Structures are given as structure tokens and as C-alpha cells.
Amino acid sequence: MYLPLKIEIFEEGDVYVAVCPQLNVSSFGETVEDARVSLREAIGAFIEECQAMGTLDEVLEEAGFSRKNQDWVPRSPVVEDRIALFL
């Protein structure tokens, strides 16, 4: 199964926090690479647990993925942009 995921890594204090917004899974590490590895492990555990519970397809569909053969394809935005609000 191929599952492409977006990750973001932020520096917060003296650690790096890695987030997979599509699955709402996060982890951290002392370096960017540590955070990336830790997030990969956390996502793997999340996927395994979903498979064990029989909910993986439902979770991925709710996260916006669709199945194409044996792979999962993320939804693609029509527009991707940033805005700023002045409050």
C-alpha cells in the first residue's frame, strides 16, 4: 500500500515537533531528523492500530484520501493559498 503524506516540522523551544495534519498525528525530537523519524514511527503505529481495529479505510476516507487500485491518493486542493487577518 502506498500512502503519500504531508508532514510539517516546527521548532518549539528546544525540540522539533513534527505533525502529519492529514491524520492528526504528531511527535517530536531533539533534531529535525529525530522528529521526522519519530513521526514516521507514530504514523506507523497509528496505521497498525487502525488496521487492527478494522477502521483504516474509514479513517483515510474521512481524512480526504481515495483509493486508486491498492494505493491511497490524497485530495488535491483547487487552490492553495495563505491569508492574513488583522484583528
PDB file of N, CA and C in Angstrom:
ATOM      1  N   MET A   1       0.847  -1.182   0.000  1.00  0.00           N
ATOM      2  CA  MET A   1       0.000   0.000   0.000  1.00  0.00           C
ATOM      3  C   MET A   1       0.889   1.240   0.000  1.00  0.00           C
ATOM      4  N   TYR A   2       0.601   2.147  -0.882  1.00  0.00           N
ATOM      5  CA  TYR A   2       1.313   3.422  -0.977  1.00  0.00           C
ATOM      6  C   TYR A   2       0.409   4.493  -0.392  1.00  0.00           C
ATOM      7  N   LEU A   3       0.939   5.270   0.550  1.00  0.00           N
ATOM      8  CA  LEU A   3       0.153   6.316   1.213  1.00  0.00           C
ATOM      9  C   LEU A   3       1.005   7.580   1.329  1.00  0.00           C
ATOM     10  N   PRO A   4       0.868   8.526   0.389  1.00  0.00           N
ATOM     11  CA  PRO A   4       1.649   9.763   0.457  1.00  0.00           C
ATOM     12  C   PRO A   4       1.074  10.695   1.524  1.00  0.00           C
ATOM     13  N   LEU A   5       1.945  11.182   2.396  1.00  0.00           N
ATOM     14  CA  LEU A   5       1.508  12.044   3.489  1.00  0.00           C
ATOM     15  C   LEU A   5       2.319  13.327   3.525  1.00  0.00           C
ATOM     16  N   LYS A   6       1.665  14.398   3.908  1.00  0.00           N
ATOM     17  CA  LYS A   6       2.325  15.684   4.109  1.00  0.00           C
ATOM     18  C   LYS A   6       2.746  15.762   5.576  1.00  0.00           C
ATOM     19  N   ILE A   7       3.961  16.236   5.811  1.00  0.00           N
ATOM     20  CA  ILE A   7       4.382  16.482   7.190  1.00  0.00           C
ATOM     21  C   ILE A   7       4.904  17.903   7.309  1.00  0.00           C
ATOM     22  N   GLU A   8       4.816  18.433   8.513  1.00  0.00           N
ATOM     23  CA  GLU A   8       5.347  19.760   8.822  1.00  0.00           C
ATOM     24  C   GLU A   8       6.171  19.628  10.091  1.00  0.00           C
ATOM     25  N   ILE A   9       7.292  20.320  10.152  1.00  0.00           N
ATOM     26  CA  ILE A   9       8.146  20.277  11.331  1.00  0.00           C
ATOM     27  C   ILE A   9       8.373  21.703  11.807  1.00  0.00           C
ATOM     28  N   PHE A  10       8.120  21.910  13.093  1.00  0.00           N
ATOM     29  CA  PHE A  10       8.244  23.227  13.702  1.00  0.00           C
ATOM     30  C   PHE A  10       9.249  23.169  14.837  1.00  0.00           C
ATOM     31  N   GLU A  11       9.957  24.269  15.052  1.00  0.00           N
ATOM     32  CA  GLU A  11      10.832  24.370  16.210  1.00  0.00           C
ATOM     33  C   GLU A  11      10.029  24.995  17.343  1.00  0.00           C
ATOM     34  N   GLU A  12       9.957  24.292  18.460  1.00  0.00           N
ATOM     35  CA  GLU A  12       9.240  24.794  19.631  1.00  0.00           C
ATOM     36  C   GLU A  12      10.151  24.663  20.836  1.00  0.00           C
ATOM     37  N   GLY A  13      10.713  25.788  21.245  1.00  0.00           N
ATOM     38  CA  GLY A  13      11.666  25.761  22.358  1.00  0.00           C
ATOM     39  C   GLY A  13      12.915  25.005  21.948  1.00  0.00           C
ATOM     40  N   ASP A  14      13.250  23.989  22.729  1.00  0.00           N
ATOM     41  CA  ASP A  14      14.466  23.229  22.437  1.00  0.00           C
ATOM     42  C   ASP A  14      14.183  21.882  21.756  1.00  0.00           C
ATOM     43  N   VAL A  15      12.966  21.700  21.224  1.00  0.00           N
ATOM     44  CA  VAL A  15      12.628  20.471  20.494  1.00  0.00           C
ATOM     45  C   VAL A  15      11.996  20.822  19.145  1.00  0.00           C
ATOM     46  N   TYR A  16      11.963  19.840  18.284  1.00  0.00           N
ATOM     47  CA  TYR A  16      11.293  19.969  16.997  1.00  0.00           C
ATOM     48  C   TYR A  16      10.035  19.109  17.041  1.00  0.00           C
ATOM     49  N   VAL A  17       8.920  19.692  16.649  1.00  0.00           N
ATOM     50  CA  VAL A  17       7.639  18.992  16.641  1.00  0.00           C
ATOM     51  C   VAL A  17       7.275  18.704  15.186  1.00  0.00           C
ATOM     52  N   ALA A  18       7.000  17.432  14.918  1.00  0.00           N
ATOM     53  CA  ALA A  18       6.617  17.006  13.575  1.00  0.00           C
ATOM     54  C   ALA A  18       5.138  16.641  13.592  1.00  0.00           C
ATOM     55  N   VAL A  19       4.419  17.096  12.575  1.00  0.00           N
ATOM     56  CA  VAL A  19       2.972  16.908  12.507  1.00  0.00           C
ATOM     57  C   VAL A  19       2.597  16.377  11.128  1.00  0.00           C
ATOM     58  N   CYS A  20       1.673  15.429  11.115  1.00  0.00           N
ATOM     59  CA  CYS A  20       1.035  14.995   9.876  1.00  0.00           C
ATOM     60  C   CYS A  20      -0.403  15.487   9.962  1.00  0.00           C
ATOM     61  N   PRO A  21      -0.703  16.657   9.375  1.00  0.00           N
ATOM     62  CA  PRO A  21      -2.037  17.242   9.531  1.00  0.00           C
ATOM     63  C   PRO A  21      -3.155  16.385   8.945  1.00  0.00           C
ATOM     64  N   GLN A  22      -2.869  15.600   7.923  1.00  0.00           N
ATOM     65  CA  GLN A  22      -3.911  14.785   7.299  1.00  0.00           C
ATOM     66  C   GLN A  22      -4.467  13.736   8.266  1.00  0.00           C
ATOM     67  N   LEU A  23      -3.588  13.193   9.122  1.00  0.00           N
ATOM     68  CA  LEU A  23      -4.001  12.144  10.058  1.00  0.00           C
ATOM     69  C   LEU A  23      -4.095  12.649  11.490  1.00  0.00           C
ATOM     70  N   ASN A  24      -3.722  13.895  11.717  1.00  0.00           N
ATOM     71  CA  ASN A  24      -3.720  14.478  13.055  1.00  0.00           C
ATOM     72  C   ASN A  24      -2.835  13.677  14.004  1.00  0.00           C
ATOM     73  N   VAL A  25      -1.637  13.331  13.511  1.00  0.00           N
ATOM     74  CA  VAL A  25      -0.643  12.597  14.290  1.00  0.00           C
ATOM     75  C   VAL A  25       0.573  13.493  14.431  1.00  0.00           C
ATOM     76  N   SER A  26       1.157  13.508  15.623  1.00  0.00           N
ATOM     77  CA  SER A  26       2.344  14.337  15.832  1.00  0.00           C
ATOM     78  C   SER A  26       3.344  13.605  16.717  1.00  0.00           C
ATOM     79  N   SER A  27       4.568  14.078  16.691  1.00  0.00           N
ATOM     80  CA  SER A  27       5.628  13.557  17.541  1.00  0.00           C
ATOM     81  C   SER A  27       6.706  14.637  17.632  1.00  0.00           C
ATOM     82  N   PHE A  28       7.830  14.316  18.240  1.00  0.00           N
ATOM     83  CA  PHE A  28       8.875  15.327  18.416  1.00  0.00           C
ATOM     84  C   PHE A  28      10.241  14.672  18.495  1.00  0.00           C
ATOM     85  N   GLY A  29      11.275  15.505  18.434  1.00  0.00           N
ATOM     86  CA  GLY A  29      12.651  15.028  18.570  1.00  0.00           C
ATOM     87  C   GLY A  29      13.577  16.185  18.850  1.00  0.00           C
ATOM     88  N   GLU A  30      14.806  15.846  19.201  1.00  0.00           N
ATOM     89  CA  GLU A  30      15.801  16.875  19.517  1.00  0.00           C
ATOM     90  C   GLU A  30      16.370  17.538  18.273  1.00  0.00           C
ATOM     91  N   THR A  31      16.260  16.858  17.121  1.00  0.00           N
ATOM     92  CA  THR A  31      16.694  17.421  15.843  1.00  0.00           C
ATOM     93  C   THR A  31      15.557  17.256  14.838  1.00  0.00           C
ATOM     94  N   VAL A  32      15.680  17.906  13.699  1.00  0.00           N
ATOM     95  CA  VAL A  32      14.672  17.768  12.646  1.00  0.00           C
ATOM     96  C   VAL A  32      14.573  16.305  12.228  1.00  0.00           C
ATOM     97  N   GLU A  33      15.713  15.657  12.037  1.00  0.00           N
ATOM     98  CA  GLU A  33      15.699  14.259  11.618  1.00  0.00           C
ATOM     99  C   GLU A  33      15.101  13.357  12.691  1.00  0.00           C
ATOM    100  N   ASP A  34      15.426  13.616  13.962  1.00  0.00           N
ATOM    101  CA  ASP A  34      14.822  12.836  15.051  1.00  0.00           C
ATOM    102  C   ASP A  34      13.301  12.989  15.045  1.00  0.00           C
ATOM    103  N   ALA A  35      12.831  14.202  14.835  1.00  0.00           N
ATOM    104  CA  ALA A  35      11.387  14.449  14.792  1.00  0.00           C
ATOM    105  C   ALA A  35      10.749  13.723  13.616  1.00  0.00           C
ATOM    106  N   ARG A  36      11.415  13.734  12.472  1.00  0.00           N
ATOM    107  CA  ARG A  36      10.907  13.049  11.279  1.00  0.00           C
ATOM    108  C   ARG A  36      10.804  11.541  11.527  1.00  0.00           C
ATOM    109  N   VAL A  37      11.858  10.958  12.097  1.00  0.00           N
ATOM    110  CA  VAL A  37      11.871   9.518  12.385  1.00  0.00           C
ATOM    111  C   VAL A  37      10.795   9.177  13.409  1.00  0.00           C
ATOM    112  N   SER A  38      10.687   9.994  14.441  1.00  0.00           N
ATOM    113  CA  SER A  38       9.694   9.765  15.486  1.00  0.00           C
ATOM    114  C   SER A  38       8.277   9.848  14.927  1.00  0.00           C
ATOM    115  N   LEU A  39       8.039  10.797  14.026  1.00  0.00           N
ATOM    116  CA  LEU A  39       6.722  10.924  13.407  1.00  0.00           C
ATOM    117  C   LEU A  39       6.427   9.718  12.527  1.00  0.00           C
ATOM    118  N   ARG A  40       7.407   9.257  11.789  1.00  0.00           N
ATOM    119  CA  ARG A  40       7.207   8.075  10.938  1.00  0.00           C
ATOM    120  C   ARG A  40       6.786   6.879  11.797  1.00  0.00           C
ATOM    121  N   GLU A  41       7.426   6.720  12.949  1.00  0.00           N
ATOM    122  CA  GLU A  41       7.080   5.631  13.866  1.00  0.00           C
ATOM    123  C   GLU A  41       5.664   5.810  14.416  1.00  0.00           C
ATOM    124  N   ALA A  42       5.311   7.047  14.777  1.00  0.00           N
ATOM    125  CA  ALA A  42       3.980   7.324  15.316  1.00  0.00           C
ATOM    126  C   ALA A  42       2.904   7.060  14.264  1.00  0.00           C
ATOM    127  N   ILE A  43       3.163   7.453  13.023  1.00  0.00           N
ATOM    128  CA  ILE A  43       2.203   7.199  11.941  1.00  0.00           C
ATOM    129  C   ILE A  43       2.077   5.698  11.711  1.00  0.00           C
ATOM    130  N   GLY A  44       3.204   4.997  11.734  1.00  0.00           N
ATOM    131  CA  GLY A  44       3.171   3.544  11.564  1.00  0.00           C
ATOM    132  C   GLY A  44       2.324   2.874  12.634  1.00  0.00           C
ATOM    133  N   ALA A  45       2.492   3.294  13.884  1.00  0.00           N
ATOM    134  CA  ALA A  45       1.705   2.737  14.989  1.00  0.00           C
ATOM    135  C   ALA A  45       0.224   3.074  14.816  1.00  0.00           C
ATOM    136  N   PHE A  46      -0.064   4.301  14.385  1.00  0.00           N
ATOM    137  CA  PHE A  46      -1.445   4.721  14.149  1.00  0.00           C
ATOM    138  C   PHE A  46      -2.094   3.863  13.070  1.00  0.00           C
ATOM    139  N   ILE A  47      -1.377   3.655  11.955  1.00  0.00           N
ATOM    140  CA  ILE A  47      -1.895   2.859  10.841  1.00  0.00           C
ATOM    141  C   ILE A  47      -2.117   1.411  11.295  1.00  0.00           C
ATOM    142  N   GLU A  48      -1.157   0.853  12.016  1.00  0.00           N
ATOM    143  CA  GLU A  48      -1.291  -0.524  12.510  1.00  0.00           C
ATOM    144  C   GLU A  48      -2.505  -0.674  13.417  1.00  0.00           C
ATOM    145  N   GLU A  49      -2.719   0.303  14.291  1.00  0.00           N
ATOM    146  CA  GLU A  49      -3.865   0.245  15.201  1.00  0.00           C
ATOM    147  C   GLU A  49      -5.177   0.345  14.433  1.00  0.00           C
ATOM    148  N   CYS A  50      -5.220   1.215  13.442  1.00  0.00           N
ATOM    149  CA  CYS A  50      -6.425   1.328  12.613  1.00  0.00           C
ATOM    150  C   CYS A  50      -6.689   0.019  11.872  1.00  0.00           C
ATOM    151  N   GLN A  51      -5.635  -0.600  11.356  1.00  0.00           N
ATOM    152  CA  GLN A  51      -5.800  -1.883  10.666  1.00  0.00           C
ATOM    153  C   GLN A  51      -6.326  -2.937  11.634  1.00  0.00           C
ATOM    154  N   ALA A  52      -5.767  -2.990  12.841  1.00  0.00           N
ATOM    155  CA  ALA A  52      -6.187  -3.975  13.841  1.00  0.00           C
ATOM    156  C   ALA A  52      -7.657  -3.782  14.223  1.00  0.00           C
ATOM    157  N   MET A  53      -8.095  -2.536  14.253  1.00  0.00           N
ATOM    158  CA  MET A  53      -9.479  -2.240  14.619  1.00  0.00           C
ATOM    159  C   MET A  53     -10.426  -2.350  13.416  1.00  0.00           C
ATOM    160  N   GLY A  54      -9.860  -2.491  12.216  1.00  0.00           N
ATOM    161  CA  GLY A  54     -10.680  -2.584  11.015  1.00  0.00           C
ATOM    162  C   GLY A  54     -11.249  -1.261  10.561  1.00  0.00           C
ATOM    163  N   THR A  55     -10.603  -0.161  10.949  1.00  0.00           N
ATOM    164  CA  THR A  55     -11.129   1.166  10.625  1.00  0.00           C
ATOM    165  C   THR A  55     -10.245   1.965   9.671  1.00  0.00           C
ATOM    166  N   LEU A  56      -9.190   1.359   9.143  1.00  0.00           N
ATOM    167  CA  LEU A  56      -8.237   2.126   8.336  1.00  0.00           C
ATOM    168  C   LEU A  56      -8.895   2.787   7.126  1.00  0.00           C
ATOM    169  N   ASP A  57      -9.687   2.036   6.372  1.00  0.00           N
ATOM    170  CA  ASP A  57     -10.333   2.630   5.188  1.00  0.00           C
ATOM    171  C   ASP A  57     -11.193   3.823   5.581  1.00  0.00           C
ATOM    172  N   GLU A  58     -11.971   3.667   6.629  1.00  0.00           N
ATOM    173  CA  GLU A  58     -12.846   4.748   7.085  1.00  0.00           C
ATOM    174  C   GLU A  58     -12.043   5.974   7.521  1.00  0.00           C
ATOM    175  N   VAL A  59     -10.979   5.754   8.264  1.00  0.00           N
ATOM    176  CA  VAL A  59     -10.137   6.862   8.747  1.00  0.00           C
ATOM    177  C   VAL A  59      -9.520   7.602   7.571  1.00  0.00           C
ATOM    178  N   LEU A  60      -8.979   6.872   6.606  1.00  0.00           N
ATOM    179  CA  LEU A  60      -8.347   7.518   5.455  1.00  0.00           C
ATOM    180  C   LEU A  60      -9.363   8.253   4.584  1.00  0.00           C
ATOM    181  N   GLU A  61     -10.541   7.677   4.398  1.00  0.00           N
ATOM    182  CA  GLU A  61     -11.575   8.366   3.625  1.00  0.00           C
ATOM    183  C   GLU A  61     -12.016   9.650   4.319  1.00  0.00           C
ATOM    184  N   GLU A  62     -12.163   9.607   5.645  1.00  0.00           N
ATOM    185  CA  GLU A  62     -12.535  10.817   6.394  1.00  0.00           C
ATOM    186  C   GLU A  62     -11.437  11.868   6.325  1.00  0.00           C
ATOM    187  N   ALA A  63     -10.184  11.435   6.153  1.00  0.00           N
ATOM    188  CA  ALA A  63      -9.061  12.369   6.038  1.00  0.00           C
ATOM    189  C   ALA A  63      -8.920  12.917   4.625  1.00  0.00           C
ATOM    190  N   GLY A  64      -9.798  12.496   3.701  1.00  0.00           N
ATOM    191  CA  GLY A  64      -9.784  13.048   2.356  1.00  0.00           C
ATOM    192  C   GLY A  64      -9.066  12.202   1.320  1.00  0.00           C
ATOM    193  N   PHE A  65      -8.665  10.990   1.664  1.00  0.00           N
ATOM    194  CA  PHE A  65      -7.995  10.115   0.712  1.00  0.00           C
ATOM    195  C   PHE A  65      -9.029   9.304  -0.059  1.00  0.00           C
ATOM    196  N   SER A  66      -8.665   8.905  -1.264  1.00  0.00           N
ATOM    197  CA  SER A  66      -9.497   7.980  -2.033  1.00  0.00           C
ATOM    198  C   SER A  66      -8.606   6.845  -2.530  1.00  0.00           C
ATOM    199  N   ARG A  67      -9.214   5.695  -2.693  1.00  0.00           N
ATOM    200  CA  ARG A  67      -8.452   4.517  -3.103  1.00  0.00           C
ATOM    201  C   ARG A  67      -8.336   4.476  -4.619  1.00  0.00           C
ATOM    202  N   LYS A  68      -7.128   4.213  -5.094  1.00  0.00           N
ATOM    203  CA  LYS A  68      -6.873   4.024  -6.521  1.00  0.00           C
ATOM    204  C   LYS A  68      -6.059   2.736  -6.632  1.00  0.00           C
ATOM    205  N   ASN A  69      -6.710   1.669  -7.056  1.00  0.00           N
ATOM    206  CA  ASN A  69      -6.147   0.326  -7.048  1.00  0.00           C
ATOM    207  C   ASN A  69      -5.821  -0.044  -5.601  1.00  0.00           C
ATOM    208  N   GLN A  70      -4.589  -0.375  -5.291  1.00  0.00           N
ATOM    209  CA  GLN A  70      -4.211  -0.717  -3.914  1.00  0.00           C
ATOM    210  C   GLN A  70      -3.650   0.488  -3.157  1.00  0.00           C
ATOM    211  N   ASP A  71      -3.500   1.615  -3.820  1.00  0.00           N
ATOM    212  CA  ASP A  71      -2.899   2.797  -3.223  1.00  0.00           C
ATOM    213  C   ASP A  71      -3.961   3.784  -2.759  1.00  0.00           C
ATOM    214  N   TRP A  72      -3.533   4.706  -1.919  1.00  0.00           N
ATOM    215  CA  TRP A  72      -4.393   5.793  -1.462  1.00  0.00           C
ATOM    216  C   TRP A  72      -3.885   7.095  -2.047  1.00  0.00           C
ATOM    217  N   VAL A  73      -4.805   7.930  -2.513  1.00  0.00           N
ATOM    218  CA  VAL A  73      -4.456   9.204  -3.142  1.00  0.00           C
ATOM    219  C   VAL A  73      -5.072  10.330  -2.311  1.00  0.00           C
ATOM    220  N   PRO A  74      -4.252  11.321  -1.903  1.00  0.00           N
ATOM    221  CA  PRO A  74      -4.818  12.430  -1.134  1.00  0.00           C
ATOM    222  C   PRO A  74      -5.635  13.344  -2.037  1.00  0.00           C
ATOM    223  N   ARG A  75      -6.592  14.029  -1.435  1.00  0.00           N
ATOM    224  CA  ARG A  75      -7.344  15.004  -2.223  1.00  0.00           C
ATOM    225  C   ARG A  75      -6.407  16.154  -2.583  1.00  0.00           C
ATOM    226  N   SER A  76      -6.664  16.745  -3.710  1.00  0.00           N
ATOM    227  CA  SER A  76      -5.847  17.865  -4.180  1.00  0.00           C
ATOM    228  C   SER A  76      -6.675  19.131  -4.128  1.00  0.00           C
ATOM    229  N   PRO A  77      -6.152  20.185  -3.523  1.00  0.00           N
ATOM    230  CA  PRO A  77      -6.913  21.434  -3.472  1.00  0.00           C
ATOM    231  C   PRO A  77      -7.016  22.072  -4.855  1.00  0.00           C
ATOM    232  N   VAL A  78      -8.108  22.751  -5.076  1.00  0.00           N
ATOM    233  CA  VAL A  78      -8.272  23.519  -6.304  1.00  0.00           C
ATOM    234  C   VAL A  78      -7.366  24.744  -6.234  1.00  0.00           C
ATOM    235  N   VAL A  79      -7.280  25.328  -5.033  1.00  0.00           N
ATOM    236  CA  VAL A  79      -6.430  26.487  -4.772  1.00  0.00           C
ATOM    237  C   VAL A  79      -5.753  26.270  -3.435  1.00  0.00           C
ATOM    238  N   GLU A  80      -4.483  26.590  -3.382  1.00  0.00           N
ATOM    239  CA  GLU A  80      -3.745  26.557  -2.121  1.00  0.00           C
ATOM    240  C   GLU A  80      -3.146  27.935  -1.927  1.00  0.00           C
ATOM    241  N   ASP A  81      -3.465  28.573  -0.815  1.00  0.00           N
ATOM    242  CA  ASP A  81      -3.068  29.955  -0.624  1.00  0.00           C
ATOM    243  C   ASP A  81      -2.900  30.227   0.870  1.00  0.00           C
ATOM    244  N   ARG A  82      -2.450  31.389   1.212  1.00  0.00           N
ATOM    245  CA  ARG A  82      -2.368  31.855   2.591  1.00  0.00           C
ATOM    246  C   ARG A  82      -3.057  33.216   2.679  1.00  0.00           C
ATOM    247  N   ILE A  83      -3.682  33.435   3.817  1.00  0.00           N
ATOM    248  CA  ILE A  83      -4.270  34.738   4.058  1.00  0.00           C
ATOM    249  C   ILE A  83      -3.845  35.212   5.441  1.00  0.00           C
ATOM    250  N   ALA A  84      -3.949  36.491   5.660  1.00  0.00           N
ATOM    251  CA  ALA A  84      -3.652  37.056   6.975  1.00  0.00           C
ATOM    252  C   ALA A  84      -4.856  37.885   7.418  1.00  0.00           C
ATOM    253  N   LEU A  85      -5.164  37.794   8.679  1.00  0.00           N
ATOM    254  CA  LEU A  85      -6.249  38.595   9.246  1.00  0.00           C
ATOM    255  C   LEU A  85      -5.655  39.637  10.171  1.00  0.00           C
ATOM    256  N   PHE A  86      -6.213  40.802  10.150  1.00  0.00           N
ATOM    257  CA  PHE A  86      -5.830  41.865  11.062  1.00  0.00           C
ATOM    258  C   PHE A  86      -6.969  42.029  12.055  1.00  0.00           C
ATOM    259  N   LEU A  87      -6.718  41.721  13.291  1.00  0.00           N
ATOM    260  CA  LEU A  87      -7.776  41.756  14.304  1.00  0.00           C
ATOM    261  C   LEU A  87      -7.593  42.938  15.219  1.00  0.00           C
TER     262      LEU A  87
END
